[in-house]
């Protein structure tokens, strides 16, 4: 375990700050998971309750008829005939802005593979050339078709308000396969307040 040692000047300043009851902001990313099994059809809208934190990324994956199946690899996901998915924040901005128009039978899914690779770049704040893809295109389509929606670029009207989140799904005919579970992970920026004098951490809004 690496040990961090401050120089004398900074250590003295830090001790004085602690004695003066100073608090510090602790910024972190909160991962929030939910799942749902929608009814059959070609359209589905999933409404989330009001969020106090700004959603930066939303990750989606589908699993069809995999529960309680001993011979099925539950670490893998299904494309589930998906045509389009969009995240709507406060009835104001769509992510992505344009429809995806996916077609797995014609292998027209390059845009979601690009989104998958760009998520890693955006999340770690790196250049694309610095980040190798986790998996190739074929493996992505057949085993891990995870839809990564980047919502990090938000206008002021979104940033300064509570957030209502609506996710709209469209499937190609004949619609979403039966017994398909939608998994969703939302990644949000949060800030807690740490008081070292009393060794106390306060999370805003109690969450």
N, C-alpha and C. Protein backbone atom coordinates (compact mmCIF):
# COMPACT_ATOMS: atom_id res chain seq x y z
N UNK A 1 0.84 -1.19 0.00
CA UNK A 1 0.00 0.00 0.00
C UNK A 1 0.88 1.25 0.00
N UNK A 2 0.75 2.11 -1.01
CA UNK A 2 1.56 3.34 -1.04
C UNK A 2 1.24 4.25 0.14
N UNK A 3 2.26 4.86 0.70
CA UNK A 3 2.10 5.79 1.81
C UNK A 3 2.35 7.22 1.31
N UNK A 4 1.44 8.13 1.64
CA UNK A 4 1.57 9.52 1.23
C UNK A 4 2.06 10.34 2.41
N UNK A 5 3.15 11.07 2.22
CA UNK A 5 3.71 11.90 3.29
C UNK A 5 3.75 13.35 2.82
N UNK A 6 3.19 14.26 3.62
CA UNK A 6 3.19 15.68 3.28
C UNK A 6 4.48 16.33 3.75
N UNK A 7 4.88 17.40 3.05
CA UNK A 7 6.03 18.15 3.54
C UNK A 7 5.60 18.95 4.78
N UNK A 8 6.57 19.47 5.50
CA UNK A 8 6.31 20.10 6.80
C UNK A 8 5.34 21.28 6.68
N UNK A 9 5.51 22.11 5.63
CA UNK A 9 4.66 23.29 5.47
C UNK A 9 3.20 22.90 5.26
N UNK A 10 2.98 21.93 4.37
CA UNK A 10 1.61 21.51 4.08
C UNK A 10 1.00 20.77 5.26
N UNK A 11 1.80 19.95 5.96
CA UNK A 11 1.30 19.22 7.12
C UNK A 11 0.86 20.18 8.22
N UNK A 12 1.62 21.27 8.42
CA UNK A 12 1.25 22.27 9.42
C UNK A 12 -0.05 22.96 9.04
N UNK A 13 -0.19 23.30 7.76
CA UNK A 13 -1.41 23.94 7.28
C UNK A 13 -2.61 23.01 7.47
N UNK A 14 -2.41 21.73 7.17
CA UNK A 14 -3.49 20.76 7.29
C UNK A 14 -3.93 20.61 8.74
N UNK A 15 -2.98 20.56 9.68
CA UNK A 15 -3.33 20.45 11.10
C UNK A 15 -4.10 21.68 11.57
N UNK A 16 -3.70 22.85 11.09
CA UNK A 16 -4.40 24.08 11.46
C UNK A 16 -5.83 24.09 10.91
N UNK A 17 -6.00 23.59 9.68
CA UNK A 17 -7.34 23.51 9.09
C UNK A 17 -8.24 22.58 9.90
N UNK A 18 -7.69 21.47 10.32
CA UNK A 18 -8.47 20.49 11.09
C UNK A 18 -8.88 21.09 12.43
N UNK A 19 -7.93 21.77 13.10
CA UNK A 19 -8.24 22.40 14.40
C UNK A 19 -9.31 23.48 14.27
N UNK A 20 -9.37 24.11 13.10
CA UNK A 20 -10.36 25.18 12.90
C UNK A 20 -11.72 24.63 12.45
N UNK A 21 -11.88 23.32 12.50
CA UNK A 21 -13.16 22.66 12.18
C UNK A 21 -13.52 22.81 10.70
N UNK A 22 -12.52 22.82 9.83
CA UNK A 22 -12.77 22.94 8.40
C UNK A 22 -13.29 21.63 7.83
N UNK A 23 -14.23 21.74 6.89
CA UNK A 23 -14.76 20.57 6.20
C UNK A 23 -14.25 20.54 4.77
N UNK A 24 -14.27 19.34 4.17
CA UNK A 24 -13.74 19.16 2.82
C UNK A 24 -14.80 18.49 1.94
N UNK A 25 -14.84 18.92 0.69
CA UNK A 25 -15.72 18.27 -0.29
C UNK A 25 -15.06 17.00 -0.81
N UNK A 26 -15.82 15.91 -0.78
CA UNK A 26 -15.35 14.63 -1.33
C UNK A 26 -16.20 14.31 -2.56
N UNK A 27 -15.62 14.45 -3.72
CA UNK A 27 -16.35 14.19 -4.96
C UNK A 27 -16.20 12.72 -5.35
N UNK A 28 -17.31 12.11 -5.71
CA UNK A 28 -17.28 10.70 -6.09
C UNK A 28 -18.38 10.41 -7.11
N UNK A 29 -18.32 9.23 -7.70
CA UNK A 29 -19.34 8.81 -8.67
C UNK A 29 -20.18 7.69 -8.06
N UNK A 30 -21.47 7.92 -8.10
CA UNK A 30 -22.43 6.98 -7.53
C UNK A 30 -23.03 6.12 -8.65
N UNK A 31 -22.99 4.80 -8.49
CA UNK A 31 -23.56 3.87 -9.46
C UNK A 31 -24.91 3.38 -8.94
N UNK A 32 -25.96 3.64 -9.69
CA UNK A 32 -27.32 3.29 -9.28
C UNK A 32 -27.89 2.27 -10.27
N UNK A 33 -28.32 1.11 -9.73
CA UNK A 33 -28.78 0.01 -10.59
C UNK A 33 -30.27 -0.24 -10.40
N UNK A 34 -30.98 -0.46 -11.53
CA UNK A 34 -32.36 -0.93 -11.50
C UNK A 34 -32.58 -1.86 -12.69
N UNK A 35 -33.61 -2.71 -12.58
CA UNK A 35 -33.99 -3.53 -13.73
C UNK A 35 -35.50 -3.58 -13.83
N UNK A 36 -35.97 -3.95 -15.00
CA UNK A 36 -37.40 -4.03 -15.23
C UNK A 36 -37.66 -5.05 -16.34
N UNK A 37 -38.81 -5.71 -16.28
CA UNK A 37 -39.24 -6.62 -17.35
C UNK A 37 -40.46 -6.01 -18.02
N UNK A 38 -40.29 -5.41 -19.20
CA UNK A 38 -41.42 -4.73 -19.85
C UNK A 38 -42.40 -5.72 -20.47
N UNK A 39 -43.57 -5.24 -20.78
CA UNK A 39 -44.55 -6.06 -21.50
C UNK A 39 -44.13 -6.16 -22.96
N UNK A 40 -44.81 -7.01 -23.69
CA UNK A 40 -44.47 -7.20 -25.10
C UNK A 40 -44.84 -5.97 -25.91
N UNK A 41 -44.26 -5.88 -27.10
CA UNK A 41 -44.56 -4.75 -27.98
C UNK A 41 -43.28 -4.19 -28.58
N UNK A 42 -43.44 -3.16 -29.41
CA UNK A 42 -42.29 -2.56 -30.07
C UNK A 42 -41.85 -1.25 -29.43
N UNK A 43 -42.60 -0.76 -28.43
CA UNK A 43 -42.26 0.49 -27.77
C UNK A 43 -42.39 0.33 -26.25
N UNK A 44 -41.51 0.99 -25.52
CA UNK A 44 -41.60 0.96 -24.07
C UNK A 44 -40.93 2.21 -23.52
N UNK A 45 -41.58 2.84 -22.53
CA UNK A 45 -41.03 4.02 -21.87
C UNK A 45 -40.85 3.71 -20.40
N UNK A 46 -39.65 3.97 -19.90
CA UNK A 46 -39.29 3.68 -18.50
C UNK A 46 -39.04 5.01 -17.80
N UNK A 47 -39.91 5.35 -16.86
CA UNK A 47 -39.78 6.60 -16.12
C UNK A 47 -39.07 6.37 -14.80
N UNK A 48 -38.08 7.22 -14.51
CA UNK A 48 -37.39 7.18 -13.24
C UNK A 48 -37.89 8.33 -12.37
N UNK A 49 -37.84 8.17 -11.03
CA UNK A 49 -38.24 9.27 -10.16
C UNK A 49 -37.25 10.42 -10.25
N UNK A 50 -37.61 11.53 -9.64
CA UNK A 50 -36.74 12.70 -9.62
C UNK A 50 -35.40 12.35 -9.01
N UNK A 51 -34.31 12.80 -9.64
CA UNK A 51 -32.97 12.56 -9.13
C UNK A 51 -32.37 13.89 -8.67
N UNK A 52 -31.68 13.86 -7.52
CA UNK A 52 -31.02 15.06 -7.02
C UNK A 52 -29.62 15.20 -7.60
N UNK A 53 -29.13 14.15 -8.22
CA UNK A 53 -27.80 14.19 -8.82
C UNK A 53 -27.93 14.15 -10.33
N UNK A 54 -26.97 14.71 -11.00
CA UNK A 54 -27.00 14.78 -12.45
C UNK A 54 -26.48 13.47 -13.05
N UNK A 55 -27.30 12.86 -13.88
CA UNK A 55 -26.91 11.61 -14.53
C UNK A 55 -25.86 11.92 -15.61
N UNK A 56 -24.68 11.32 -15.47
CA UNK A 56 -23.63 11.54 -16.47
C UNK A 56 -23.62 10.45 -17.53
N UNK A 57 -23.87 9.21 -17.11
CA UNK A 57 -23.88 8.09 -18.03
C UNK A 57 -25.01 7.15 -17.67
N UNK A 58 -25.59 6.51 -18.68
CA UNK A 58 -26.60 5.48 -18.47
C UNK A 58 -26.21 4.27 -19.32
N UNK A 59 -26.08 3.12 -18.67
CA UNK A 59 -25.68 1.88 -19.33
C UNK A 59 -26.86 0.92 -19.33
N UNK A 60 -27.12 0.32 -20.49
CA UNK A 60 -28.25 -0.60 -20.62
C UNK A 60 -27.79 -1.93 -21.22
N UNK A 61 -28.40 -3.01 -20.72
CA UNK A 61 -28.13 -4.34 -21.27
C UNK A 61 -29.39 -5.18 -21.12
N UNK A 62 -29.55 -6.16 -22.01
CA UNK A 62 -30.77 -6.97 -22.04
C UNK A 62 -30.40 -8.44 -21.87
N UNK A 63 -31.26 -9.16 -21.16
CA UNK A 63 -31.11 -10.62 -21.04
C UNK A 63 -32.47 -11.26 -21.26
N UNK A 64 -32.52 -12.18 -22.23
CA UNK A 64 -33.79 -12.82 -22.60
C UNK A 64 -33.83 -14.25 -22.10
N UNK A 65 -34.83 -14.53 -21.26
CA UNK A 65 -35.11 -15.89 -20.76
C UNK A 65 -33.85 -16.56 -20.21
N UNK A 66 -33.16 -15.89 -19.31
CA UNK A 66 -31.94 -16.44 -18.73
C UNK A 66 -32.08 -16.80 -17.26
N UNK A 67 -33.20 -16.47 -16.65
CA UNK A 67 -33.38 -16.78 -15.23
C UNK A 67 -33.53 -18.28 -15.00
N UNK A 68 -32.82 -18.74 -13.96
CA UNK A 68 -32.94 -20.15 -13.54
C UNK A 68 -32.64 -21.14 -14.67
N UNK A 69 -31.70 -20.77 -15.53
CA UNK A 69 -31.28 -21.65 -16.61
C UNK A 69 -29.82 -22.05 -16.36
N UNK A 70 -29.63 -23.27 -15.91
CA UNK A 70 -28.28 -23.72 -15.50
C UNK A 70 -27.30 -23.73 -16.68
N UNK A 71 -27.78 -23.99 -17.88
CA UNK A 71 -26.89 -24.09 -19.03
C UNK A 71 -26.67 -22.79 -19.77
N UNK A 72 -27.14 -21.67 -19.21
CA UNK A 72 -27.02 -20.38 -19.87
C UNK A 72 -26.00 -19.51 -19.14
N UNK A 73 -25.16 -18.83 -19.89
CA UNK A 73 -24.14 -17.96 -19.31
C UNK A 73 -24.78 -16.60 -18.98
N UNK A 74 -25.01 -16.37 -17.70
CA UNK A 74 -25.67 -15.14 -17.29
C UNK A 74 -24.74 -13.94 -17.22
N UNK A 75 -23.48 -14.14 -17.59
CA UNK A 75 -22.57 -12.99 -17.69
C UNK A 75 -22.67 -12.32 -19.06
N UNK A 76 -23.40 -12.95 -19.97
CA UNK A 76 -23.55 -12.41 -21.32
C UNK A 76 -24.93 -11.76 -21.48
N UNK A 77 -25.06 -10.94 -22.53
CA UNK A 77 -26.29 -10.21 -22.76
C UNK A 77 -26.80 -10.48 -24.18
N UNK A 78 -28.02 -9.99 -24.45
CA UNK A 78 -28.67 -10.20 -25.73
C UNK A 78 -28.99 -8.85 -26.38
N UNK A 79 -29.04 -8.83 -27.70
CA UNK A 79 -29.39 -7.60 -28.40
C UNK A 79 -30.89 -7.33 -28.35
N UNK A 80 -31.66 -8.41 -28.25
CA UNK A 80 -33.11 -8.33 -28.01
C UNK A 80 -33.86 -7.52 -29.08
N UNK A 81 -33.35 -7.56 -30.32
CA UNK A 81 -34.08 -6.94 -31.43
C UNK A 81 -34.20 -5.42 -31.29
N UNK A 82 -33.27 -4.80 -30.59
CA UNK A 82 -33.35 -3.36 -30.32
C UNK A 82 -33.18 -2.54 -31.60
N UNK A 83 -34.01 -1.51 -31.73
CA UNK A 83 -33.91 -0.58 -32.85
C UNK A 83 -33.41 0.79 -32.39
N UNK A 84 -33.91 1.25 -31.24
CA UNK A 84 -33.51 2.59 -30.80
C UNK A 84 -33.66 2.71 -29.28
N UNK A 85 -32.83 3.53 -28.69
CA UNK A 85 -32.93 3.86 -27.27
C UNK A 85 -32.47 5.31 -27.10
N UNK A 86 -33.24 6.06 -26.32
CA UNK A 86 -32.87 7.45 -26.03
C UNK A 86 -33.23 7.79 -24.59
N UNK A 87 -32.35 8.56 -23.96
CA UNK A 87 -32.58 9.04 -22.61
C UNK A 87 -33.03 10.50 -22.71
N UNK A 88 -34.15 10.82 -22.05
CA UNK A 88 -34.69 12.18 -22.07
C UNK A 88 -34.60 12.76 -20.66
N UNK A 89 -33.90 13.88 -20.52
CA UNK A 89 -33.77 14.55 -19.23
C UNK A 89 -34.69 15.77 -19.18
N UNK A 90 -35.58 15.79 -18.19
CA UNK A 90 -36.48 16.92 -17.95
C UNK A 90 -37.26 17.35 -19.19
N UNK A 91 -37.63 16.37 -20.01
CA UNK A 91 -38.39 16.68 -21.24
C UNK A 91 -37.72 17.77 -22.06
N UNK A 92 -36.38 17.80 -22.00
CA UNK A 92 -35.66 18.91 -22.61
C UNK A 92 -34.61 18.46 -23.62
N UNK A 93 -33.80 17.47 -23.25
CA UNK A 93 -32.67 17.07 -24.10
C UNK A 93 -32.65 15.55 -24.24
N UNK A 94 -32.46 15.09 -25.49
CA UNK A 94 -32.35 13.67 -25.77
C UNK A 94 -30.87 13.27 -25.84
N UNK A 95 -30.57 12.06 -25.32
CA UNK A 95 -29.24 11.46 -25.45
C UNK A 95 -29.42 10.03 -25.92
N UNK A 96 -28.81 9.63 -27.03
CA UNK A 96 -28.16 10.50 -28.02
C UNK A 96 -29.19 11.38 -28.73
N UNK A 97 -28.71 12.41 -29.41
CA UNK A 97 -29.62 13.38 -30.03
C UNK A 97 -30.40 12.77 -31.19
N UNK A 98 -29.74 11.89 -31.94
CA UNK A 98 -30.38 11.29 -33.11
C UNK A 98 -30.76 9.84 -32.83
N UNK A 99 -31.78 9.36 -33.53
CA UNK A 99 -32.17 7.95 -33.41
C UNK A 99 -31.05 7.05 -33.89
N UNK A 100 -30.93 5.89 -33.26
CA UNK A 100 -29.84 4.97 -33.58
C UNK A 100 -30.14 4.12 -34.81
N UNK A 101 -31.42 3.76 -35.01
CA UNK A 101 -31.83 2.94 -36.17
C UNK A 101 -30.98 1.67 -36.29
N UNK A 102 -30.94 0.90 -35.23
CA UNK A 102 -30.15 -0.33 -35.18
C UNK A 102 -30.86 -1.46 -35.92
N UNK A 103 -30.06 -2.36 -36.47
CA UNK A 103 -30.61 -3.56 -37.11
C UNK A 103 -29.58 -4.67 -36.97
N UNK A 104 -29.80 -5.55 -36.01
CA UNK A 104 -28.82 -6.60 -35.70
C UNK A 104 -28.72 -7.61 -36.85
N UNK A 105 -29.82 -7.87 -37.56
CA UNK A 105 -29.76 -8.85 -38.64
C UNK A 105 -28.92 -8.36 -39.81
N UNK A 106 -28.84 -7.05 -39.98
CA UNK A 106 -28.02 -6.47 -41.05
C UNK A 106 -26.69 -5.94 -40.52
N UNK A 107 -26.43 -6.19 -39.22
CA UNK A 107 -25.19 -5.75 -38.57
C UNK A 107 -25.01 -4.23 -38.63
N UNK A 108 -26.11 -3.50 -38.63
CA UNK A 108 -26.04 -2.03 -38.60
C UNK A 108 -26.08 -1.57 -37.14
N UNK A 109 -24.95 -1.77 -36.47
CA UNK A 109 -24.87 -1.48 -35.03
C UNK A 109 -23.56 -0.78 -34.68
N UNK A 110 -22.86 -0.27 -35.71
CA UNK A 110 -21.56 0.34 -35.46
C UNK A 110 -21.62 1.54 -34.54
N UNK A 111 -22.76 2.29 -34.56
CA UNK A 111 -22.85 3.47 -33.71
C UNK A 111 -22.89 3.13 -32.23
N UNK A 112 -23.54 2.02 -31.85
CA UNK A 112 -23.55 1.67 -30.42
C UNK A 112 -22.21 1.08 -29.98
N UNK A 113 -21.48 0.46 -30.89
CA UNK A 113 -20.13 -0.01 -30.56
C UNK A 113 -19.22 1.20 -30.34
N UNK A 114 -19.39 2.22 -31.16
CA UNK A 114 -18.62 3.45 -30.97
C UNK A 114 -18.97 4.10 -29.63
N UNK A 115 -20.25 4.14 -29.28
CA UNK A 115 -20.67 4.69 -27.99
C UNK A 115 -20.07 3.91 -26.83
N UNK A 116 -20.01 2.58 -26.98
CA UNK A 116 -19.43 1.71 -25.96
C UNK A 116 -17.96 2.05 -25.73
N UNK A 117 -17.21 2.23 -26.81
CA UNK A 117 -15.79 2.57 -26.69
C UNK A 117 -15.59 4.00 -26.18
N UNK A 118 -16.45 4.92 -26.61
CA UNK A 118 -16.33 6.31 -26.18
C UNK A 118 -16.64 6.48 -24.69
N UNK A 119 -17.46 5.59 -24.14
CA UNK A 119 -17.77 5.68 -22.71
C UNK A 119 -16.50 5.59 -21.87
N UNK A 120 -15.65 4.64 -22.18
CA UNK A 120 -14.40 4.47 -21.45
C UNK A 120 -13.52 5.71 -21.57
N UNK A 121 -13.49 6.28 -22.77
CA UNK A 121 -12.68 7.48 -23.01
C UNK A 121 -13.21 8.65 -22.18
N UNK A 122 -14.53 8.85 -22.20
CA UNK A 122 -15.14 9.96 -21.47
C UNK A 122 -15.05 9.77 -19.96
N UNK A 123 -15.30 8.54 -19.51
CA UNK A 123 -15.32 8.26 -18.06
C UNK A 123 -13.96 8.53 -17.42
N UNK A 124 -12.89 8.14 -18.11
CA UNK A 124 -11.54 8.31 -17.56
C UNK A 124 -10.87 9.60 -18.04
N UNK A 125 -11.55 10.36 -18.89
CA UNK A 125 -10.98 11.61 -19.36
C UNK A 125 -9.71 11.44 -20.17
N UNK A 126 -9.69 10.42 -21.03
CA UNK A 126 -8.51 10.12 -21.84
C UNK A 126 -8.78 10.41 -23.31
N UNK A 127 -7.73 10.36 -24.10
CA UNK A 127 -7.87 10.43 -25.55
C UNK A 127 -8.19 9.04 -26.09
N UNK A 128 -8.94 8.99 -27.19
CA UNK A 128 -9.33 7.71 -27.76
C UNK A 128 -8.12 6.85 -28.10
N UNK A 129 -7.05 7.47 -28.59
CA UNK A 129 -5.86 6.72 -28.98
C UNK A 129 -5.15 6.10 -27.77
N UNK A 130 -5.45 6.59 -26.57
CA UNK A 130 -4.83 6.05 -25.36
C UNK A 130 -5.59 4.85 -24.81
N UNK A 131 -6.82 4.63 -25.26
CA UNK A 131 -7.68 3.60 -24.69
C UNK A 131 -7.96 2.51 -25.70
N UNK A 132 -7.47 1.32 -25.46
CA UNK A 132 -7.74 0.19 -26.33
C UNK A 132 -9.17 -0.30 -26.10
N UNK A 133 -9.90 -0.68 -27.16
CA UNK A 133 -11.25 -1.25 -26.97
C UNK A 133 -11.20 -2.48 -26.08
N UNK A 134 -12.18 -2.62 -25.21
CA UNK A 134 -12.22 -3.78 -24.32
C UNK A 134 -12.48 -5.07 -25.09
N UNK A 135 -13.33 -4.99 -26.10
CA UNK A 135 -13.68 -6.16 -26.90
C UNK A 135 -13.83 -5.74 -28.36
N UNK A 136 -13.74 -6.71 -29.28
CA UNK A 136 -13.91 -6.38 -30.69
C UNK A 136 -15.40 -6.31 -31.05
N UNK A 137 -15.67 -5.86 -32.26
CA UNK A 137 -17.04 -5.60 -32.69
C UNK A 137 -17.90 -6.86 -32.67
N UNK A 138 -17.37 -7.98 -33.13
CA UNK A 138 -18.14 -9.21 -33.18
C UNK A 138 -18.48 -9.71 -31.78
N UNK A 139 -17.53 -9.64 -30.86
CA UNK A 139 -17.79 -10.07 -29.48
C UNK A 139 -18.81 -9.15 -28.82
N UNK A 140 -18.72 -7.86 -29.13
CA UNK A 140 -19.69 -6.91 -28.60
C UNK A 140 -21.11 -7.29 -29.03
N UNK A 141 -21.30 -7.58 -30.32
CA UNK A 141 -22.64 -7.88 -30.83
C UNK A 141 -23.19 -9.20 -30.30
N UNK A 142 -22.34 -10.20 -30.18
CA UNK A 142 -22.81 -11.55 -29.86
C UNK A 142 -22.84 -11.86 -28.37
N UNK A 143 -22.04 -11.13 -27.58
CA UNK A 143 -21.96 -11.48 -26.15
C UNK A 143 -22.22 -10.30 -25.20
N UNK A 144 -21.73 -9.12 -25.55
CA UNK A 144 -21.80 -8.01 -24.61
C UNK A 144 -22.33 -6.72 -25.26
N UNK A 145 -23.52 -6.76 -25.84
CA UNK A 145 -24.06 -5.54 -26.46
C UNK A 145 -24.59 -4.56 -25.39
N UNK A 146 -23.68 -3.87 -24.75
CA UNK A 146 -24.02 -2.91 -23.70
C UNK A 146 -24.17 -1.53 -24.35
N UNK A 147 -25.31 -0.91 -24.14
CA UNK A 147 -25.57 0.40 -24.73
C UNK A 147 -25.16 1.47 -23.71
N UNK A 148 -24.13 2.24 -24.04
CA UNK A 148 -23.60 3.26 -23.14
C UNK A 148 -24.01 4.64 -23.66
N UNK A 149 -24.86 5.33 -22.92
CA UNK A 149 -25.37 6.63 -23.31
C UNK A 149 -24.65 7.70 -22.48
N UNK A 150 -23.97 8.60 -23.16
CA UNK A 150 -23.22 9.68 -22.50
C UNK A 150 -24.13 10.90 -22.35
N UNK A 151 -24.48 11.23 -21.10
CA UNK A 151 -25.33 12.38 -20.81
C UNK A 151 -24.54 13.49 -20.13
N UNK A 152 -23.23 13.46 -20.23
CA UNK A 152 -22.39 14.37 -19.44
C UNK A 152 -22.41 15.81 -19.93
N UNK A 153 -22.76 16.02 -21.20
CA UNK A 153 -22.79 17.39 -21.73
C UNK A 153 -24.22 17.92 -21.62
N UNK A 154 -24.47 18.66 -20.55
CA UNK A 154 -25.82 19.12 -20.25
C UNK A 154 -25.90 20.64 -20.25
N UNK A 155 -26.98 21.20 -20.80
CA UNK A 155 -27.16 22.66 -20.78
C UNK A 155 -27.46 23.15 -19.37
N UNK A 156 -27.35 24.44 -19.15
CA UNK A 156 -27.55 25.03 -17.83
C UNK A 156 -28.94 24.73 -17.28
N UNK A 157 -29.95 24.71 -18.14
CA UNK A 157 -31.31 24.46 -17.68
C UNK A 157 -31.43 23.09 -17.03
N UNK A 158 -30.58 22.14 -17.44
CA UNK A 158 -30.57 20.81 -16.83
C UNK A 158 -29.72 20.83 -15.57
N UNK A 159 -28.55 21.44 -15.63
CA UNK A 159 -27.61 21.40 -14.52
C UNK A 159 -28.15 22.05 -13.25
N UNK A 160 -29.03 23.05 -13.40
CA UNK A 160 -29.47 23.81 -12.24
C UNK A 160 -30.85 23.41 -11.76
N UNK A 161 -31.28 22.21 -12.05
CA UNK A 161 -32.61 21.78 -11.62
C UNK A 161 -32.58 20.32 -11.19
N UNK A 162 -33.68 19.91 -10.54
CA UNK A 162 -33.86 18.49 -10.29
C UNK A 162 -34.06 17.78 -11.62
N UNK A 163 -33.78 16.49 -11.63
CA UNK A 163 -33.77 15.78 -12.90
C UNK A 163 -34.87 14.71 -12.95
N UNK A 164 -35.71 14.80 -13.97
CA UNK A 164 -36.62 13.71 -14.30
C UNK A 164 -36.01 12.94 -15.47
N UNK A 165 -35.97 11.63 -15.35
CA UNK A 165 -35.31 10.80 -16.35
C UNK A 165 -36.34 9.87 -17.00
N UNK A 166 -36.37 9.88 -18.32
CA UNK A 166 -37.26 9.00 -19.07
C UNK A 166 -36.44 8.31 -20.15
N UNK A 167 -36.55 6.97 -20.20
CA UNK A 167 -35.83 6.20 -21.21
C UNK A 167 -36.85 5.59 -22.16
N UNK A 168 -36.65 5.84 -23.46
CA UNK A 168 -37.58 5.35 -24.48
C UNK A 168 -36.90 4.28 -25.33
N UNK A 169 -37.53 3.13 -25.42
CA UNK A 169 -37.02 2.00 -26.17
C UNK A 169 -37.92 1.72 -27.37
N UNK A 170 -37.29 1.31 -28.46
CA UNK A 170 -38.02 0.83 -29.63
C UNK A 170 -37.37 -0.46 -30.11
N UNK A 171 -38.23 -1.45 -30.39
CA UNK A 171 -37.73 -2.72 -30.92
C UNK A 171 -38.31 -2.95 -32.31
N UNK A 172 -37.56 -3.66 -33.11
CA UNK A 172 -38.06 -4.02 -34.44
C UNK A 172 -39.11 -5.12 -34.32
N UNK A 173 -39.96 -5.23 -35.32
CA UNK A 173 -40.98 -6.28 -35.34
C UNK A 173 -40.30 -7.65 -35.22
N UNK A 174 -40.85 -8.55 -34.43
CA UNK A 174 -42.16 -8.50 -33.76
C UNK A 174 -42.13 -7.89 -32.36
N UNK A 175 -41.10 -7.13 -32.02
CA UNK A 175 -41.04 -6.50 -30.71
C UNK A 175 -40.04 -7.17 -29.79
N UNK A 176 -40.03 -6.74 -28.54
CA UNK A 176 -39.09 -7.28 -27.57
C UNK A 176 -39.43 -8.73 -27.28
N UNK A 177 -38.43 -9.63 -27.26
CA UNK A 177 -38.71 -11.03 -26.95
C UNK A 177 -39.30 -11.20 -25.56
N UNK A 178 -40.10 -12.23 -25.39
CA UNK A 178 -40.72 -12.50 -24.09
C UNK A 178 -39.64 -12.79 -23.04
N UNK A 179 -39.94 -12.46 -21.81
CA UNK A 179 -39.06 -12.72 -20.66
C UNK A 179 -37.72 -11.99 -20.79
N UNK A 180 -37.74 -10.80 -21.36
CA UNK A 180 -36.52 -10.01 -21.47
C UNK A 180 -36.43 -9.02 -20.31
N UNK A 181 -35.31 -9.04 -19.62
CA UNK A 181 -35.06 -8.12 -18.51
C UNK A 181 -34.14 -7.00 -19.01
N UNK A 182 -34.53 -5.76 -18.71
CA UNK A 182 -33.68 -4.61 -19.03
C UNK A 182 -32.89 -4.25 -17.78
N UNK A 183 -31.58 -4.26 -17.89
CA UNK A 183 -30.71 -3.84 -16.79
C UNK A 183 -30.24 -2.41 -17.07
N UNK A 184 -30.25 -1.59 -16.04
CA UNK A 184 -29.82 -0.19 -16.20
C UNK A 184 -28.90 0.21 -15.05
N UNK A 185 -27.77 0.79 -15.40
CA UNK A 185 -26.86 1.39 -14.41
C UNK A 185 -26.72 2.86 -14.77
N UNK A 186 -27.06 3.73 -13.83
CA UNK A 186 -26.86 5.17 -14.01
C UNK A 186 -25.69 5.62 -13.15
N UNK A 187 -24.82 6.41 -13.73
CA UNK A 187 -23.65 6.90 -13.04
C UNK A 187 -23.81 8.40 -12.84
N UNK A 188 -23.73 8.82 -11.59
CA UNK A 188 -23.99 10.21 -11.24
C UNK A 188 -22.82 10.78 -10.44
N UNK A 189 -22.54 12.05 -10.64
CA UNK A 189 -21.56 12.75 -9.82
C UNK A 189 -22.20 13.20 -8.52
N UNK A 190 -21.52 12.94 -7.41
CA UNK A 190 -22.02 13.38 -6.12
C UNK A 190 -20.88 13.98 -5.30
N UNK A 191 -21.26 14.74 -4.29
CA UNK A 191 -20.28 15.35 -3.40
C UNK A 191 -20.71 15.14 -1.96
N UNK A 192 -19.85 14.55 -1.16
CA UNK A 192 -20.08 14.43 0.28
C UNK A 192 -19.18 15.43 1.00
N UNK A 193 -19.53 15.73 2.24
CA UNK A 193 -18.77 16.69 3.03
C UNK A 193 -18.11 15.95 4.20
N UNK A 194 -16.80 16.04 4.29
CA UNK A 194 -16.04 15.33 5.33
C UNK A 194 -15.47 16.33 6.33
N UNK A 195 -15.76 16.06 7.61
CA UNK A 195 -15.21 16.86 8.69
C UNK A 195 -14.22 16.01 9.47
N UNK A 196 -12.91 16.22 9.27
CA UNK A 196 -11.91 15.36 9.92
C UNK A 196 -11.84 15.53 11.43
N UNK A 197 -12.22 16.70 11.94
CA UNK A 197 -12.15 16.91 13.39
C UNK A 197 -13.09 15.97 14.14
N UNK A 198 -14.29 15.76 13.58
CA UNK A 198 -15.28 14.88 14.20
C UNK A 198 -15.40 13.54 13.45
N UNK A 199 -14.56 13.37 12.42
CA UNK A 199 -14.57 12.13 11.63
C UNK A 199 -15.99 11.82 11.14
N UNK A 200 -16.61 12.81 10.51
CA UNK A 200 -18.00 12.69 10.09
C UNK A 200 -18.12 13.00 8.60
N UNK A 201 -18.92 12.17 7.91
CA UNK A 201 -19.18 12.37 6.48
C UNK A 201 -20.68 12.65 6.31
N UNK A 202 -20.98 13.74 5.63
CA UNK A 202 -22.36 14.12 5.37
C UNK A 202 -22.60 14.05 3.88
N UNK A 203 -23.61 13.31 3.48
CA UNK A 203 -23.98 13.22 2.07
C UNK A 203 -25.16 14.12 1.80
N UNK A 204 -25.08 15.05 0.85
CA UNK A 204 -26.20 15.95 0.56
C UNK A 204 -27.47 15.19 0.22
N UNK A 205 -28.61 15.74 0.62
CA UNK A 205 -29.95 15.18 0.35
C UNK A 205 -30.18 13.85 1.04
N UNK A 206 -29.21 13.46 1.90
CA UNK A 206 -29.40 12.23 2.66
C UNK A 206 -29.26 10.98 1.84
N UNK A 207 -28.67 11.07 0.60
CA UNK A 207 -28.53 9.89 -0.26
C UNK A 207 -27.10 9.75 -0.70
